[in-house]
Structures are given as C-alpha cells and as structure tokens.
Amino acid sequence: MLNHVSRRVQLDLEHAKRVQNLANQSKTAISEHYLPLKDVFENSFENDITFCEQTQEAVKYIQDRFIKSLELRRDDHERQRRSLKNEWLRVTKQVKDTQQELQRARTLLGSRDDGYRKAQEISIRTECTGPAVGSELLRRRKELEKRRKNEEEALNKRDEAQNQVERLEVELERRQNHMEDTKVLISFFICLRVQVINFNIYMLII
C-alpha cells in the first residue's frame, strides 16, 4: 500500500510539473504575438498553473500526513518482525542443540553400558578361576581387585552418562514447552499487530 501511494503521488507530482512547465512556456509564447482568443488561452494556462500548484501542495500534504506516518509504522513493524524472528530462531536453535546433545549423550550411555557389562564379565571370569596357592593366589587377588576397581569405575561412568541423559531429557522437555509458549505469544503478537496496523490505516484514511 505504501509503495502504491508513494509511486502514485510521485507520478502525479511529475505530471503536474510537466504541465506547469508547458503552461509557462505556452504562456510566454503567446504573449509575443497577437492571437485570437488570447485571453481565453492565457486564462486556461493560468488555470493549469494554479492546478499544478495545488497538486504540489496536495502531494506535500499527503507526504507529511500519510506517507511519512506509514513509513514510520513500516519501520517499527520491520523492527518488531526482526525481533520476533530472532527470538524464534534463538528458541528453536536451543531445542535443536539440546536434541543433538541428548543424542550424543545416549550414544555415550550405550558405550558406557557396554563397557560396564564387559568389566562385569571379566570380573566374574576372574572370580570363577580355579583354586590357586602361594604366589599365584596373591597374583589372582591383585588381579581380582584390579578387575573390581575397573568394574566400579565403569559403573560410575555409566551412572554419570545415565544422569546426563536424564538431565538433558528434562532440559529438552522444558525447552520444547518454552518453544510452544513462544509460538503462541508470537502468533498473538502478530494478530495484535495486524489489528493495530489496520486501525492506523483506517484512521489515516478518514
């Protein structure tokens, strides 16, 4: 709408200036020689010049009263649109980043779970080894302690990975809820802005 009004006013202004120049040139030309109905032509040229001056005044009024006001509202609307867009991009990026982080955490949990099961199996095999005496018994005890320590470390790592997955699942749900709330707020704000714009245009027209 702003583009149409601006272009239309510009065309009217250009046309008025051309008609005014033509009327001034013609008025000068007929003043040099006697012509029949000279007064009629001069009066017609004067009317054209007056009309063009009134057109220029009307264009200036429209620019001040209507176009500049619309431009200010358009700029304000554009700023708010960019702000809403940036907010939506920020919220959706948070959700996407959390989803990717959760996927990596689940992969790590699977790896830690496998590591813990292997450590358990090795520890069980070590415990089930046949009887030993002397230095062999001492060596087996040390090996069993080492295996149990490895199993405990693997369990701790698995628990840490499990806690990380649970934390990210909670965080993802929170951010998805926030994204839905943001979507509702943005939709409401857009509807409100449309109503305000329509009202402002109506007030400008009347």
C-alpha atoms as a PDB file:
ATOM      1  CA  MET A   1       0.000   0.000   0.000  1.00  0.00           C
ATOM      2  CA  LEU A   2       2.796   2.394   0.915  1.00  0.00           C
ATOM      3  CA  ASN A   3       4.591   1.637  -2.339  1.00  0.00           C
ATOM      4  CA  HIS A   4       1.415   2.230  -4.374  1.00  0.00           C
ATOM      5  CA  VAL A   5       0.628   5.548  -2.693  1.00  0.00           C
ATOM      6  CA  SER A   6       4.238   6.774  -2.926  1.00  0.00           C
ATOM      7  CA  ARG A   7       4.510   5.849  -6.587  1.00  0.00           C
ATOM      8  CA  ARG A   8       1.115   7.321  -7.449  1.00  0.00           C
ATOM      9  CA  VAL A   9       1.922  10.603  -5.679  1.00  0.00           C
ATOM     10  CA  GLN A  10       5.290  10.761  -7.433  1.00  0.00           C
ATOM     11  CA  LEU A  11       3.642  10.252 -10.829  1.00  0.00           C
ATOM     12  CA  ASP A  12       1.058  12.950 -10.082  1.00  0.00           C
ATOM     13  CA  LEU A  13       3.825  15.326  -8.997  1.00  0.00           C
ATOM     14  CA  GLU A  14       5.896  14.671 -12.126  1.00  0.00           C
ATOM     15  CA  HIS A  15       2.829  15.160 -14.313  1.00  0.00           C
ATOM     16  CA  ALA A  16       1.946  18.433 -12.543  1.00  0.00           C
ATOM     17  CA  LYS A  17       5.483  19.772 -13.007  1.00  0.00           C
ATOM     18  CA  ARG A  18       5.456  18.931 -16.718  1.00  0.00           C
ATOM     19  CA  VAL A  19       2.051  20.538 -17.209  1.00  0.00           C
ATOM     20  CA  GLN A  20       3.218  23.621 -15.283  1.00  0.00           C
ATOM     21  CA  ASN A  21       6.355  23.947 -17.423  1.00  0.00           C
ATOM     22  CA  LEU A  22       4.307  23.502 -20.583  1.00  0.00           C
ATOM     23  CA  ALA A  23       1.785  26.127 -19.456  1.00  0.00           C
ATOM     24  CA  ASN A  24       4.563  28.611 -18.608  1.00  0.00           C
ATOM     25  CA  GLN A  25       6.260  28.067 -21.974  1.00  0.00           C
ATOM     26  CA  SER A  26       2.991  28.391 -23.860  1.00  0.00           C
ATOM     27  CA  LYS A  27       2.043  31.490 -21.882  1.00  0.00           C
ATOM     28  CA  THR A  28       5.369  33.110 -22.801  1.00  0.00           C
ATOM     29  CA  ALA A  29       4.999  32.128 -26.447  1.00  0.00           C
ATOM     30  CA  ILE A  30       1.545  33.636 -26.976  1.00  0.00           C
ATOM     31  CA  SER A  31       2.499  36.870 -25.248  1.00  0.00           C
ATOM     32  CA  GLU A  32       4.926  37.646 -28.062  1.00  0.00           C
ATOM     33  CA  HIS A  33       2.367  37.683 -30.848  1.00  0.00           C
ATOM     34  CA  TYR A  34      -1.223  38.682 -31.178  1.00  0.00           C
ATOM     35  CA  LEU A  35      -3.562  35.695 -31.314  1.00  0.00           C
ATOM     36  CA  PRO A  36      -7.322  35.417 -31.486  1.00  0.00           C
ATOM     37  CA  LEU A  37      -8.814  34.405 -28.136  1.00  0.00           C
ATOM     38  CA  LYS A  38      -5.526  35.248 -26.427  1.00  0.00           C
ATOM     39  CA  ASP A  39      -7.313  35.974 -23.137  1.00  0.00           C
ATOM     40  CA  VAL A  40      -9.014  32.583 -23.220  1.00  0.00           C
ATOM     41  CA  PHE A  41      -5.702  30.762 -23.711  1.00  0.00           C
ATOM     42  CA  GLU A  42      -3.957  32.811 -21.048  1.00  0.00           C
ATOM     43  CA  ASN A  43      -6.769  32.087 -18.629  1.00  0.00           C
ATOM     44  CA  SER A  44      -6.500  28.368 -19.463  1.00  0.00           C
ATOM     45  CA  PHE A  45      -2.744  28.431 -18.847  1.00  0.00           C
ATOM     46  CA  GLU A  46      -3.246  30.252 -15.563  1.00  0.00           C
ATOM     47  CA  ASN A  47      -5.759  27.611 -14.529  1.00  0.00           C
ATOM     48  CA  ASP A  48      -3.245  24.879 -15.411  1.00  0.00           C
ATOM     49  CA  ILE A  49      -0.530  26.605 -13.379  1.00  0.00           C
ATOM     50  CA  THR A  50      -2.879  27.084 -10.423  1.00  0.00           C
ATOM     51  CA  PHE A  51      -3.988  23.454 -10.630  1.00  0.00           C
ATOM     52  CA  CYS A  52      -0.348  22.286 -10.688  1.00  0.00           C
ATOM     53  CA  GLU A  53       0.495  24.414  -7.648  1.00  0.00           C
ATOM     54  CA  GLN A  54      -2.490  22.964  -5.804  1.00  0.00           C
ATOM     55  CA  THR A  55      -1.389  19.475  -6.849  1.00  0.00           C
ATOM     56  CA  GLN A  56       2.081  20.088  -5.406  1.00  0.00           C
ATOM     57  CA  GLU A  57       0.548  21.333  -2.162  1.00  0.00           C
ATOM     58  CA  ALA A  58      -1.701  18.265  -2.029  1.00  0.00           C
ATOM     59  CA  VAL A  59       1.294  15.989  -2.647  1.00  0.00           C
ATOM     60  CA  LYS A  60       3.224  17.668   0.167  1.00  0.00           C
ATOM     61  CA  TYR A  61       0.235  17.258   2.484  1.00  0.00           C
ATOM     62  CA  ILE A  62      -0.103  13.571   1.571  1.00  0.00           C
ATOM     63  CA  GLN A  63       3.611  13.011   2.126  1.00  0.00           C
ATOM     64  CA  ASP A  64       3.543  14.693   5.532  1.00  0.00           C
ATOM     65  CA  ARG A  65       0.203  13.351   6.707  1.00  0.00           C
ATOM     66  CA  PHE A  66       0.117   9.873   5.186  1.00  0.00           C
ATOM     67  CA  ILE A  67       3.365   8.614   3.628  1.00  0.00           C
ATOM     68  CA  LYS A  68       5.764   9.622   6.415  1.00  0.00           C
ATOM     69  CA  SER A  69       3.403   8.204   9.016  1.00  0.00           C
ATOM     70  CA  LEU A  70       3.168   4.925   7.111  1.00  0.00           C
ATOM     71  CA  GLU A  71       6.949   4.808   6.707  1.00  0.00           C
ATOM     72  CA  LEU A  72       7.437   5.216  10.455  1.00  0.00           C
ATOM     73  CA  ARG A  73       4.927   2.458  11.143  1.00  0.00           C
ATOM     74  CA  ARG A  74       6.524   0.243   8.496  1.00  0.00           C
ATOM     75  CA  ASP A  75       9.965   0.717  10.067  1.00  0.00           C
ATOM     76  CA  ASP A  76       8.551  -0.036  13.510  1.00  0.00           C
ATOM     77  CA  HIS A  77       6.787  -3.108  12.145  1.00  0.00           C
ATOM     78  CA  GLU A  78      10.024  -4.270  10.477  1.00  0.00           C
ATOM     79  CA  ARG A  79      11.982  -3.865  13.720  1.00  0.00           C
ATOM     80  CA  GLN A  80       9.436  -5.886  15.649  1.00  0.00           C
ATOM     81  CA  ARG A  81       9.284  -8.506  12.901  1.00  0.00           C
ATOM     82  CA  ARG A  82      13.071  -8.931  13.052  1.00  0.00           C
ATOM     83  CA  SER A  83      12.908  -9.118  16.845  1.00  0.00           C
ATOM     84  CA  LEU A  84      10.255 -11.861  16.730  1.00  0.00           C
ATOM     85  CA  LYS A  85      12.165 -13.743  14.050  1.00  0.00           C
ATOM     86  CA  ASN A  86      15.406 -13.601  16.046  1.00  0.00           C
ATOM     87  CA  GLU A  87      13.613 -14.769  19.189  1.00  0.00           C
ATOM     88  CA  TRP A  88      12.049 -17.701  17.311  1.00  0.00           C
ATOM     89  CA  LEU A  89      15.393 -18.660  15.759  1.00  0.00           C
ATOM     90  CA  ARG A  90      17.044 -18.493  19.180  1.00  0.00           C
ATOM     91  CA  VAL A  91      14.405 -20.708  20.819  1.00  0.00           C
ATOM     92  CA  THR A  92      14.379 -23.285  18.007  1.00  0.00           C
ATOM     93  CA  LYS A  93      18.188 -23.378  17.999  1.00  0.00           C
ATOM     94  CA  GLN A  94      18.166 -24.133  21.723  1.00  0.00           C
ATOM     95  CA  VAL A  95      15.791 -27.049  21.124  1.00  0.00           C
ATOM     96  CA  LYS A  96      17.856 -28.355  18.210  1.00  0.00           C
ATOM     97  CA  ASP A  97      21.126 -28.066  20.150  1.00  0.00           C
ATOM     98  CA  THR A  98      19.602 -29.892  23.127  1.00  0.00           C
ATOM     99  CA  GLN A  99      18.296 -32.663  20.844  1.00  0.00           C
ATOM    100  CA  GLN A 100      21.756 -33.135  19.356  1.00  0.00           C
ATOM    101  CA  GLU A 101      23.373 -33.080  22.797  1.00  0.00           C
ATOM    102  CA  LEU A 102      20.860 -35.654  24.046  1.00  0.00           C
ATOM    103  CA  GLN A 103      21.570 -37.888  21.059  1.00  0.00           C
ATOM    104  CA  ARG A 104      25.308 -37.759  21.797  1.00  0.00           C
ATOM    105  CA  ALA A 105      24.646 -38.443  25.495  1.00  0.00           C
ATOM    106  CA  ARG A 106      22.524 -41.509  24.623  1.00  0.00           C
ATOM    107  CA  THR A 107      25.265 -42.802  22.341  1.00  0.00           C
ATOM    108  CA  LEU A 108      27.790 -42.313  25.141  1.00  0.00           C
ATOM    109  CA  LEU A 109      25.446 -44.081  27.584  1.00  0.00           C
ATOM    110  CA  GLY A 110      25.264 -47.083  25.260  1.00  0.00           C
ATOM    111  CA  SER A 111      29.046 -47.163  25.082  1.00  0.00           C
ATOM    112  CA  ARG A 112      29.387 -46.844  28.877  1.00  0.00           C
ATOM    113  CA  ASP A 113      26.799 -49.589  29.374  1.00  0.00           C
ATOM    114  CA  ASP A 114      28.749 -51.917  27.085  1.00  0.00           C
ATOM    115  CA  GLY A 115      31.954 -51.056  28.942  1.00  0.00           C
ATOM    116  CA  TYR A 116      30.337 -51.836  32.289  1.00  0.00           C
ATOM    117  CA  ARG A 117      28.986 -55.198  31.083  1.00  0.00           C
ATOM    118  CA  LYS A 118      32.404 -56.177  29.752  1.00  0.00           C
ATOM    119  CA  ALA A 119      34.059 -55.171  33.035  1.00  0.00           C
ATOM    120  CA  GLN A 120      31.459 -57.268  34.901  1.00  0.00           C
ATOM    121  CA  GLU A 121      32.093 -60.293  32.696  1.00  0.00           C
ATOM    122  CA  ILE A 122      35.859 -60.030  33.136  1.00  0.00           C
ATOM    123  CA  SER A 123      35.458 -59.681  36.898  1.00  0.00           C
ATOM    124  CA  ILE A 124      33.155 -62.720  37.058  1.00  0.00           C
ATOM    125  CA  ARG A 125      35.546 -64.798  34.960  1.00  0.00           C
ATOM    126  CA  THR A 126      38.405 -63.832  37.257  1.00  0.00           C
ATOM    127  CA  GLU A 127      36.394 -64.859  40.338  1.00  0.00           C
ATOM    128  CA  CYS A 128      35.432 -68.196  38.748  1.00  0.00           C
ATOM    129  CA  THR A 129      39.013 -69.191  38.012  1.00  0.00           C
ATOM    130  CA  GLY A 130      40.085 -72.427  39.738  1.00  0.00           C
ATOM    131  CA  PRO A 131      41.850 -72.540  43.129  1.00  0.00           C
ATOM    132  CA  ALA A 132      45.385 -71.274  43.478  1.00  0.00           C
ATOM    133  CA  VAL A 133      48.091 -71.302  46.147  1.00  0.00           C
ATOM    134  CA  GLY A 134      51.166 -69.323  47.066  1.00  0.00           C
ATOM    135  CA  SER A 135      52.295 -66.585  44.739  1.00  0.00           C
ATOM    136  CA  GLU A 136      49.594 -67.488  42.214  1.00  0.00           C
ATOM    137  CA  LEU A 137      46.930 -66.836  44.857  1.00  0.00           C
ATOM    138  CA  LEU A 138      48.453 -63.426  45.629  1.00  0.00           C
ATOM    139  CA  ARG A 139      48.604 -62.562  41.938  1.00  0.00           C
ATOM    140  CA  ARG A 140      44.959 -63.553  41.444  1.00  0.00           C
ATOM    141  CA  ARG A 141      43.854 -61.457  44.416  1.00  0.00           C
ATOM    142  CA  LYS A 142      45.595 -58.403  42.975  1.00  0.00           C
ATOM    143  CA  GLU A 143      44.096 -59.091  39.572  1.00  0.00           C
ATOM    144  CA  LEU A 144      40.641 -59.523  41.122  1.00  0.00           C
ATOM    145  CA  GLU A 145      40.994 -56.220  42.993  1.00  0.00           C
ATOM    146  CA  LYS A 146      42.043 -54.550  39.764  1.00  0.00           C
ATOM    147  CA  ARG A 147      39.060 -56.055  37.893  1.00  0.00           C
ATOM    148  CA  ARG A 148      36.643 -54.971  40.629  1.00  0.00           C
ATOM    149  CA  LYS A 149      38.095 -51.474  40.580  1.00  0.00           C
ATOM    150  CA  ASN A 150      37.672 -51.349  36.789  1.00  0.00           C
ATOM    151  CA  GLU A 151      34.099 -52.594  37.186  1.00  0.00           C
ATOM    152  CA  GLU A 152      33.378 -49.894  39.783  1.00  0.00           C
ATOM    153  CA  GLU A 153      34.847 -47.179  37.540  1.00  0.00           C
ATOM    154  CA  ALA A 154      32.812 -48.460  34.589  1.00  0.00           C
ATOM    155  CA  LEU A 155      29.674 -48.408  36.768  1.00  0.00           C
ATOM    156  CA  ASN A 156      30.385 -44.826  37.861  1.00  0.00           C
ATOM    157  CA  LYS A 157      30.904 -43.744  34.259  1.00  0.00           C
ATOM    158  CA  ARG A 158      27.662 -45.440  33.228  1.00  0.00           C
ATOM    159  CA  ASP A 159      25.784 -43.748  36.084  1.00  0.00           C
ATOM    160  CA  GLU A 160      27.227 -40.365  35.079  1.00  0.00           C
ATOM    161  CA  ALA A 161      26.141 -40.942  31.485  1.00  0.00           C
ATOM    162  CA  GLN A 162      22.671 -42.015  32.676  1.00  0.00           C
ATOM    163  CA  ASN A 163      22.353 -38.878  34.817  1.00  0.00           C
ATOM    164  CA  GLN A 164      23.432 -36.745  31.861  1.00  0.00           C
ATOM    165  CA  VAL A 165      20.784 -38.338  29.636  1.00  0.00           C
ATOM    166  CA  GLU A 166      18.075 -37.800  32.257  1.00  0.00           C
ATOM    167  CA  ARG A 167      19.143 -34.179  32.778  1.00  0.00           C
ATOM    168  CA  LEU A 168      19.075 -33.495  29.033  1.00  0.00           C
ATOM    169  CA  GLU A 169      15.659 -35.158  28.662  1.00  0.00           C
ATOM    170  CA  VAL A 170      14.273 -32.812  31.315  1.00  0.00           C
ATOM    171  CA  GLU A 171      16.015 -29.836  29.679  1.00  0.00           C
ATOM    172  CA  LEU A 172      14.692 -30.791  26.237  1.00  0.00           C
ATOM    173  CA  GLU A 173      11.125 -31.027  27.544  1.00  0.00           C
ATOM    174  CA  ARG A 174      11.485 -27.635  29.236  1.00  0.00           C
ATOM    175  CA  ARG A 175      12.823 -26.013  26.068  1.00  0.00           C
ATOM    176  CA  GLN A 176      10.155 -27.616  23.881  1.00  0.00           C
ATOM    177  CA  ASN A 177       7.475 -26.258  26.222  1.00  0.00           C
ATOM    178  CA  HIS A 178       9.145 -22.854  26.088  1.00  0.00           C
ATOM    179  CA  MET A 179       9.178 -23.058  22.277  1.00  0.00           C
ATOM    180  CA  GLU A 180       5.443 -23.793  22.220  1.00  0.00           C
ATOM    181  CA  ASP A 181       4.782 -20.890  24.601  1.00  0.00           C
ATOM    182  CA  THR A 182       6.895 -18.619  22.396  1.00  0.00           C
ATOM    183  CA  LYS A 183       4.967 -19.752  19.318  1.00  0.00           C
ATOM    184  CA  VAL A 184       1.667 -18.846  20.990  1.00  0.00           C
ATOM    185  CA  LEU A 185       2.995 -15.449  22.102  1.00  0.00           C
ATOM    186  CA  ILE A 186       4.389 -14.637  18.657  1.00  0.00           C
ATOM    187  CA  SER A 187       1.116 -15.657  16.969  1.00  0.00           C
ATOM    188  CA  PHE A 188      -0.851 -13.499  19.405  1.00  0.00           C
ATOM    189  CA  PHE A 189       1.504 -10.561  18.876  1.00  0.00           C
ATOM    190  CA  ILE A 190       1.270 -10.868  15.076  1.00  0.00           C
ATOM    191  CA  CYS A 191      -2.545 -10.873  15.212  1.00  0.00           C
ATOM    192  CA  LEU A 192      -2.459  -7.864  17.516  1.00  0.00           C
ATOM    193  CA  ARG A 193      -0.048  -6.017  15.204  1.00  0.00           C
ATOM    194  CA  VAL A 194      -2.280  -6.696  12.188  1.00  0.00           C
ATOM    195  CA  GLN A 195      -5.271  -5.228  14.023  1.00  0.00           C
ATOM    196  CA  VAL A 196      -3.251  -2.167  15.064  1.00  0.00           C
ATOM    197  CA  ILE A 197      -1.966  -1.643  11.513  1.00  0.00           C
ATOM    198  CA  ASN A 198      -5.465  -1.925  10.056  1.00  0.00           C
ATOM    199  CA  PHE A 199      -6.795   0.542  12.624  1.00  0.00           C
ATOM    200  CA  ASN A 200      -3.961   3.006  11.933  1.00  0.00           C
ATOM    201  CA  ILE A 201      -4.546   2.815   8.188  1.00  0.00           C
ATOM    202  CA  TYR A 202      -8.262   3.381   8.756  1.00  0.00           C
ATOM    203  CA  MET A 203      -7.516   6.424  10.922  1.00  0.00           C
ATOM    204  CA  LEU A 204      -5.152   7.812   8.293  1.00  0.00           C
ATOM    205  CA  ILE A 205      -7.696   7.378   5.533  1.00  0.00           C
ATOM    206  CA  ILE A 206     -10.539   9.073   7.390  1.00  0.00           C
END
